PDB file of N, CA and C in Angstrom:
ATOM      1  N   UNK A   1     -35.496 -44.142  -5.878  1.00  0.00           N
ATOM      2  CA  UNK A   1     -36.283 -43.600  -6.958  1.00  0.00           C
ATOM      3  C   UNK A   1     -36.941 -44.754  -7.705  1.00  0.00           C
ATOM      4  N   UNK A   2     -38.203 -44.544  -8.031  1.00  0.00           N
ATOM      5  CA  UNK A   2     -38.957 -45.518  -8.813  1.00  0.00           C
ATOM      6  C   UNK A   2     -39.508 -44.819 -10.045  1.00  0.00           C
ATOM      7  N   UNK A   3     -39.465 -45.494 -11.162  1.00  0.00           N
ATOM      8  CA  UNK A   3     -40.017 -44.972 -12.405  1.00  0.00           C
ATOM      9  C   UNK A   3     -41.127 -45.910 -12.858  1.00  0.00           C
ATOM     10  N   UNK A   4     -42.286 -45.342 -13.161  1.00  0.00           N
ATOM     11  CA  UNK A   4     -43.369 -46.118 -13.750  1.00  0.00           C
ATOM     12  C   UNK A   4     -43.331 -45.910 -15.259  1.00  0.00           C
ATOM     13  N   UNK A   5     -43.512 -46.998 -15.981  1.00  0.00           N
ATOM     14  CA  UNK A   5     -43.358 -46.992 -17.438  1.00  0.00           C
ATOM     15  C   UNK A   5     -44.666 -47.430 -18.084  1.00  0.00           C
ATOM     16  N   UNK A   6     -45.033 -46.743 -19.162  1.00  0.00           N
ATOM     17  CA  UNK A   6     -46.169 -47.153 -19.994  1.00  0.00           C
ATOM     18  C   UNK A   6     -45.710 -47.152 -21.442  1.00  0.00           C
ATOM     19  N   UNK A   7     -46.008 -48.206 -22.151  1.00  0.00           N
ATOM     20  CA  UNK A   7     -45.645 -48.338 -23.569  1.00  0.00           C
ATOM     21  C   UNK A   7     -44.157 -48.092 -23.794  1.00  0.00           C
ATOM     22  N   UNK A   8     -43.327 -48.541 -22.843  1.00  0.00           N
ATOM     23  CA  UNK A   8     -41.882 -48.436 -22.979  1.00  0.00           C
ATOM     24  C   UNK A   8     -41.287 -47.087 -22.638  1.00  0.00           C
ATOM     25  N   UNK A   9     -42.111 -46.120 -22.214  1.00  0.00           N
ATOM     26  CA  UNK A   9     -41.634 -44.776 -21.889  1.00  0.00           C
ATOM     27  C   UNK A   9     -41.886 -44.459 -20.419  1.00  0.00           C
ATOM     28  N   UNK A  10     -40.948 -43.753 -19.758  1.00  0.00           N
ATOM     29  CA  UNK A  10     -41.170 -43.355 -18.366  1.00  0.00           C
ATOM     30  C   UNK A  10     -42.287 -42.313 -18.291  1.00  0.00           C
ATOM     31  N   UNK A  11     -43.219 -42.494 -17.340  1.00  0.00           N
ATOM     32  CA  UNK A  11     -44.349 -41.564 -17.220  1.00  0.00           C
ATOM     33  C   UNK A  11     -44.488 -40.963 -15.827  1.00  0.00           C
ATOM     34  N   UNK A  12     -43.984 -41.647 -14.809  1.00  0.00           N
ATOM     35  CA  UNK A  12     -44.070 -41.176 -13.422  1.00  0.00           C
ATOM     36  C   UNK A  12     -42.724 -41.399 -12.753  1.00  0.00           C
ATOM     37  N   UNK A  13     -42.247 -40.386 -12.011  1.00  0.00           N
ATOM     38  CA  UNK A  13     -41.033 -40.499 -11.202  1.00  0.00           C
ATOM     39  C   UNK A  13     -41.451 -40.385  -9.744  1.00  0.00           C
ATOM     40  N   UNK A  14     -41.070 -41.353  -8.919  1.00  0.00           N
ATOM     41  CA  UNK A  14     -41.420 -41.362  -7.501  1.00  0.00           C
ATOM     42  C   UNK A  14     -40.138 -41.293  -6.690  1.00  0.00           C
ATOM     43  N   UNK A  15     -40.064 -40.278  -5.807  1.00  0.00           N
ATOM     44  CA  UNK A  15     -38.934 -40.106  -4.884  1.00  0.00           C
ATOM     45  C   UNK A  15     -39.504 -40.032  -3.478  1.00  0.00           C
ATOM     46  N   UNK A  16     -39.249 -41.047  -2.681  1.00  0.00           N
ATOM     47  CA  UNK A  16     -39.819 -41.065  -1.336  1.00  0.00           C
ATOM     48  C   UNK A  16     -41.334 -40.998  -1.419  1.00  0.00           C
ATOM     49  N   UNK A  17     -41.924 -39.955  -0.807  1.00  0.00           N
ATOM     50  CA  UNK A  17     -43.376 -39.765  -0.841  1.00  0.00           C
ATOM     51  C   UNK A  17     -43.826 -38.872  -1.996  1.00  0.00           C
ATOM     52  N   UNK A  18     -42.880 -38.324  -2.737  1.00  0.00           N
ATOM     53  CA  UNK A  18     -43.218 -37.415  -3.840  1.00  0.00           C
ATOM     54  C   UNK A  18     -43.391 -38.183  -5.140  1.00  0.00           C
ATOM     55  N   UNK A  19     -44.454 -37.830  -5.828  1.00  0.00           N
ATOM     56  CA  UNK A  19     -44.780 -38.474  -7.105  1.00  0.00           C
ATOM     57  C   UNK A  19     -44.893 -37.373  -8.155  1.00  0.00           C
ATOM     58  N   UNK A  20     -44.105 -37.480  -9.220  1.00  0.00           N
ATOM     59  CA  UNK A  20     -44.099 -36.464 -10.275  1.00  0.00           C
ATOM     60  C   UNK A  20     -44.436 -37.099 -11.620  1.00  0.00           C
ATOM     61  N   UNK A  21     -45.338 -36.479 -12.317  1.00  0.00           N
ATOM     62  CA  UNK A  21     -45.661 -36.912 -13.677  1.00  0.00           C
ATOM     63  C   UNK A  21     -44.577 -36.386 -14.620  1.00  0.00           C
ATOM     64  N   UNK A  22     -44.144 -37.202 -15.532  1.00  0.00           N
ATOM     65  CA  UNK A  22     -43.189 -36.777 -16.551  1.00  0.00           C
ATOM     66  C   UNK A  22     -44.003 -36.144 -17.676  1.00  0.00           C
ATOM     67  N   UNK A  23     -43.855 -34.823 -17.803  1.00  0.00           N
ATOM     68  CA  UNK A  23     -44.631 -34.052 -18.778  1.00  0.00           C
ATOM     69  C   UNK A  23     -44.086 -34.193 -20.193  1.00  0.00           C
ATOM     70  N   UNK A  24     -42.762 -34.281 -20.298  1.00  0.00           N
ATOM     71  CA  UNK A  24     -42.149 -34.298 -21.629  1.00  0.00           C
ATOM     72  C   UNK A  24     -40.829 -35.054 -21.578  1.00  0.00           C
ATOM     73  N   UNK A  25     -40.574 -35.841 -22.600  1.00  0.00           N
ATOM     74  CA  UNK A  25     -39.260 -36.446 -22.809  1.00  0.00           C
ATOM     75  C   UNK A  25     -38.583 -35.601 -23.882  1.00  0.00           C
ATOM     76  N   UNK A  26     -37.530 -34.876 -23.496  1.00  0.00           N
ATOM     77  CA  UNK A  26     -36.849 -33.980 -24.432  1.00  0.00           C
ATOM     78  C   UNK A  26     -35.850 -34.705 -25.325  1.00  0.00           C
ATOM     79  N   UNK A  27     -35.238 -35.757 -24.789  1.00  0.00           N
ATOM     80  CA  UNK A  27     -34.211 -36.459 -25.560  1.00  0.00           C
ATOM     81  C   UNK A  27     -34.071 -37.874 -25.024  1.00  0.00           C
ATOM     82  N   UNK A  28     -33.700 -38.794 -25.891  1.00  0.00           N
ATOM     83  CA  UNK A  28     -33.438 -40.190 -25.523  1.00  0.00           C
ATOM     84  C   UNK A  28     -32.173 -40.613 -26.250  1.00  0.00           C
ATOM     85  N   UNK A  29     -31.270 -41.281 -25.524  1.00  0.00           N
ATOM     86  CA  UNK A  29     -30.080 -41.824 -26.172  1.00  0.00           C
ATOM     87  C   UNK A  29     -29.655 -43.100 -25.455  1.00  0.00           C
ATOM     88  N   UNK A  30     -28.920 -43.923 -26.182  1.00  0.00           N
ATOM     89  CA  UNK A  30     -28.473 -45.210 -25.642  1.00  0.00           C
ATOM     90  C   UNK A  30     -26.957 -45.229 -25.602  1.00  0.00           C
ATOM     91  N   UNK A  31     -26.440 -45.826 -24.529  1.00  0.00           N
ATOM     92  CA  UNK A  31     -25.000 -46.021 -24.383  1.00  0.00           C
ATOM     93  C   UNK A  31     -24.741 -47.503 -24.138  1.00  0.00           C
ATOM     94  N   UNK A  32     -23.854 -48.074 -24.939  1.00  0.00           N
ATOM     95  CA  UNK A  32     -23.362 -49.441 -24.753  1.00  0.00           C
ATOM     96  C   UNK A  32     -21.851 -49.342 -24.728  1.00  0.00           C
ATOM     97  N   UNK A  33     -21.234 -49.792 -23.635  1.00  0.00           N
ATOM     98  CA  UNK A  33     -19.793 -49.608 -23.495  1.00  0.00           C
ATOM     99  C   UNK A  33     -19.204 -50.702 -22.610  1.00  0.00           C
ATOM    100  N   UNK A  34     -17.927 -50.863 -22.720  1.00  0.00           N
ATOM    101  CA  UNK A  34     -17.113 -51.752 -21.882  1.00  0.00           C
ATOM    102  C   UNK A  34     -17.652 -53.174 -21.805  1.00  0.00           C
ATOM    103  N   UNK A  35     -18.124 -53.687 -22.926  1.00  0.00           N
ATOM    104  CA  UNK A  35     -18.655 -55.044 -22.944  1.00  0.00           C
ATOM    105  C   UNK A  35     -17.600 -56.079 -22.577  1.00  0.00           C
ATOM    106  N   UNK A  36     -16.332 -55.741 -22.721  1.00  0.00           N
ATOM    107  CA  UNK A  36     -15.252 -56.691 -22.441  1.00  0.00           C
ATOM    108  C   UNK A  36     -14.908 -56.749 -20.957  1.00  0.00           C
ATOM    109  N   UNK A  37     -15.343 -55.769 -20.156  1.00  0.00           N
ATOM    110  CA  UNK A  37     -15.088 -55.775 -18.704  1.00  0.00           C
ATOM    111  C   UNK A  37     -16.402 -55.935 -17.957  1.00  0.00           C
ATOM    112  N   UNK A  38     -16.986 -54.828 -17.636  1.00  0.00           N
ATOM    113  CA  UNK A  38     -18.302 -54.796 -16.996  1.00  0.00           C
ATOM    114  C   UNK A  38     -19.253 -54.117 -17.971  1.00  0.00           C
ATOM    115  N   UNK A  39     -20.175 -54.864 -18.523  1.00  0.00           N
ATOM    116  CA  UNK A  39     -21.020 -54.281 -19.561  1.00  0.00           C
ATOM    117  C   UNK A  39     -21.861 -53.111 -19.050  1.00  0.00           C
ATOM    118  N   UNK A  40     -21.925 -52.077 -19.870  1.00  0.00           N
ATOM    119  CA  UNK A  40     -22.781 -50.927 -19.609  1.00  0.00           C
ATOM    120  C   UNK A  40     -23.730 -50.822 -20.791  1.00  0.00           C
ATOM    121  N   UNK A  41     -25.003 -50.909 -20.501  1.00  0.00           N
ATOM    122  CA  UNK A  41     -26.023 -50.768 -21.534  1.00  0.00           C
ATOM    123  C   UNK A  41     -27.179 -50.008 -20.911  1.00  0.00           C
ATOM    124  N   UNK A  42     -27.370 -48.756 -21.354  1.00  0.00           N
ATOM    125  CA  UNK A  42     -28.350 -47.878 -20.712  1.00  0.00           C
ATOM    126  C   UNK A  42     -29.111 -47.059 -21.747  1.00  0.00           C
ATOM    127  N   UNK A  43     -30.374 -46.800 -21.419  1.00  0.00           N
ATOM    128  CA  UNK A  43     -31.153 -45.788 -22.129  1.00  0.00           C
ATOM    129  C   UNK A  43     -31.267 -44.586 -21.217  1.00  0.00           C
ATOM    130  N   UNK A  44     -30.869 -43.437 -21.726  1.00  0.00           N
ATOM    131  CA  UNK A  44     -30.964 -42.178 -20.990  1.00  0.00           C
ATOM    132  C   UNK A  44     -32.158 -41.381 -21.500  1.00  0.00           C
ATOM    133  N   UNK A  45     -32.808 -40.675 -20.572  1.00  0.00           N
ATOM    134  CA  UNK A  45     -33.955 -39.838 -20.901  1.00  0.00           C
ATOM    135  C   UNK A  45     -33.769 -38.484 -20.233  1.00  0.00           C
ATOM    136  N   UNK A  46     -33.848 -37.429 -21.014  1.00  0.00           N
ATOM    137  CA  UNK A  46     -33.864 -36.061 -20.478  1.00  0.00           C
ATOM    138  C   UNK A  46     -35.333 -35.678 -20.400  1.00  0.00           C
ATOM    139  N   UNK A  47     -35.843 -35.479 -19.159  1.00  0.00           N
ATOM    140  CA  UNK A  47     -37.281 -35.305 -18.960  1.00  0.00           C
ATOM    141  C   UNK A  47     -37.599 -33.997 -18.235  1.00  0.00           C
ATOM    142  N   UNK A  48     -38.823 -33.532 -18.453  1.00  0.00           N
ATOM    143  CA  UNK A  48     -39.376 -32.389 -17.734  1.00  0.00           C
ATOM    144  C   UNK A  48     -40.496 -32.928 -16.853  1.00  0.00           C
ATOM    145  N   UNK A  49     -40.410 -32.631 -15.548  1.00  0.00           N
ATOM    146  CA  UNK A  49     -41.432 -33.084 -14.610  1.00  0.00           C
ATOM    147  C   UNK A  49     -42.566 -32.072 -14.514  1.00  0.00           C
ATOM    148  N   UNK A  50     -43.658 -32.479 -13.865  1.00  0.00           N
ATOM    149  CA  UNK A  50     -44.828 -31.613 -13.730  1.00  0.00           C
ATOM    150  C   UNK A  50     -44.563 -30.356 -12.906  1.00  0.00           C
ATOM    151  N   UNK A  51     -43.479 -30.325 -12.136  1.00  0.00           N
ATOM    152  CA  UNK A  51     -43.117 -29.121 -11.377  1.00  0.00           C
ATOM    153  C   UNK A  51     -42.146 -28.231 -12.161  1.00  0.00           C
ATOM    154  N   UNK A  52     -41.865 -28.603 -13.415  1.00  0.00           N
ATOM    155  CA  UNK A  52     -40.995 -27.813 -14.275  1.00  0.00           C
ATOM    156  C   UNK A  52     -39.522 -28.168 -14.205  1.00  0.00           C
ATOM    157  N   UNK A  53     -39.141 -29.046 -13.290  1.00  0.00           N
ATOM    158  CA  UNK A  53     -37.717 -29.380 -13.164  1.00  0.00           C
ATOM    159  C   UNK A  53     -37.270 -30.315 -14.292  1.00  0.00           C
ATOM    160  N   UNK A  54     -36.008 -30.141 -14.671  1.00  0.00           N
ATOM    161  CA  UNK A  54     -35.381 -30.983 -15.692  1.00  0.00           C
ATOM    162  C   UNK A  54     -34.561 -32.055 -14.997  1.00  0.00           C
ATOM    163  N   UNK A  55     -34.674 -33.277 -15.459  1.00  0.00           N
ATOM    164  CA  UNK A  55     -33.906 -34.382 -14.894  1.00  0.00           C
ATOM    165  C   UNK A  55     -33.373 -35.249 -16.019  1.00  0.00           C
ATOM    166  N   UNK A  56     -32.258 -35.891 -15.744  1.00  0.00           N
ATOM    167  CA  UNK A  56     -31.758 -36.934 -16.633  1.00  0.00           C
ATOM    168  C   UNK A  56     -31.817 -38.233 -15.851  1.00  0.00           C
ATOM    169  N   UNK A  57     -32.606 -39.159 -16.345  1.00  0.00           N
ATOM    170  CA  UNK A  57     -32.739 -40.471 -15.719  1.00  0.00           C
ATOM    171  C   UNK A  57     -32.268 -41.515 -16.718  1.00  0.00           C
ATOM    172  N   UNK A  58     -31.904 -42.681 -16.200  1.00  0.00           N
ATOM    173  CA  UNK A  58     -31.530 -43.748 -17.133  1.00  0.00           C
ATOM    174  C   UNK A  58     -31.997 -45.101 -16.638  1.00  0.00           C
ATOM    175  N   UNK A  59     -32.259 -45.957 -17.604  1.00  0.00           N
ATOM    176  CA  UNK A  59     -32.661 -47.336 -17.352  1.00  0.00           C
ATOM    177  C   UNK A  59     -31.463 -48.217 -17.650  1.00  0.00           C
ATOM    178  N   UNK A  60     -30.942 -48.868 -16.619  1.00  0.00           N
ATOM    179  CA  UNK A  60     -29.816 -49.784 -16.769  1.00  0.00           C
ATOM    180  C   UNK A  60     -30.357 -51.092 -17.339  1.00  0.00           C
ATOM    181  N   UNK A  61     -30.023 -51.385 -18.574  1.00  0.00           N
ATOM    182  CA  UNK A  61     -30.556 -52.570 -19.235  1.00  0.00           C
ATOM    183  C   UNK A  61     -29.927 -53.862 -18.734  1.00  0.00           C
ATOM    184  N   UNK A  62     -28.790 -53.772 -18.048  1.00  0.00           N
ATOM    185  CA  UNK A  62     -28.144 -54.959 -17.482  1.00  0.00           C
ATOM    186  C   UNK A  62     -28.864 -55.387 -16.205  1.00  0.00           C
ATOM    187  N   UNK A  63     -29.124 -54.427 -15.292  1.00  0.00           N
ATOM    188  CA  UNK A  63     -29.765 -54.748 -14.012  1.00  0.00           C
ATOM    189  C   UNK A  63     -31.282 -54.590 -14.046  1.00  0.00           C
ATOM    190  N   UNK A  64     -31.785 -53.775 -14.980  1.00  0.00           N
ATOM    191  CA  UNK A  64     -33.218 -53.492 -15.037  1.00  0.00           C
ATOM    192  C   UNK A  64     -33.645 -52.343 -14.141  1.00  0.00           C
ATOM    193  N   UNK A  65     -32.697 -51.731 -13.426  1.00  0.00           N
ATOM    194  CA  UNK A  65     -33.010 -50.655 -12.485  1.00  0.00           C
ATOM    195  C   UNK A  65     -32.979 -49.286 -13.160  1.00  0.00           C
ATOM    196  N   UNK A  66     -33.616 -48.307 -12.494  1.00  0.00           N
ATOM    197  CA  UNK A  66     -33.634 -46.917 -12.941  1.00  0.00           C
ATOM    198  C   UNK A  66     -32.819 -46.069 -11.984  1.00  0.00           C
ATOM    199  N   UNK A  67     -32.156 -45.040 -12.531  1.00  0.00           N
ATOM    200  CA  UNK A  67     -31.328 -44.135 -11.732  1.00  0.00           C
ATOM    201  C   UNK A  67     -31.469 -42.718 -12.265  1.00  0.00           C
ATOM    202  N   UNK A  68     -31.086 -41.759 -11.415  1.00  0.00           N
ATOM    203  CA  UNK A  68     -30.962 -40.382 -11.873  1.00  0.00           C
ATOM    204  C   UNK A  68     -29.492 -40.097 -12.107  1.00  0.00           C
ATOM    205  N   UNK A  69     -29.187 -39.461 -13.225  1.00  0.00           N
ATOM    206  CA  UNK A  69     -27.807 -39.093 -13.542  1.00  0.00           C
ATOM    207  C   UNK A  69     -27.416 -37.882 -12.715  1.00  0.00           C
ATOM    208  N   UNK A  70     -26.362 -38.008 -11.934  1.00  0.00           N
ATOM    209  CA  UNK A  70     -25.835 -36.879 -11.152  1.00  0.00           C
ATOM    210  C   UNK A  70     -24.820 -36.130 -12.003  1.00  0.00           C
ATOM    211  N   UNK A  71     -24.891 -34.813 -11.962  1.00  0.00           N
ATOM    212  CA  UNK A  71     -23.939 -33.991 -12.723  1.00  0.00           C
ATOM    213  C   UNK A  71     -23.018 -33.270 -11.780  1.00  0.00           C
TER     214      UNK A  71
END
């Protein structure tokens, strides 16, 4: 998965050959945890894609990578 960012916000989600515009960011939150072991520092985004699907993605601030949160 690749996320394209503009002005610090995710705007495009790319999965394989599929490209989806992020229509809306419903919520944003940050988690910082376990700094004494393996640091976790992430920004989470609850987004609505152009096909209407809801996704939770996050930006790992330690590695710089983007992921989708599995539930």
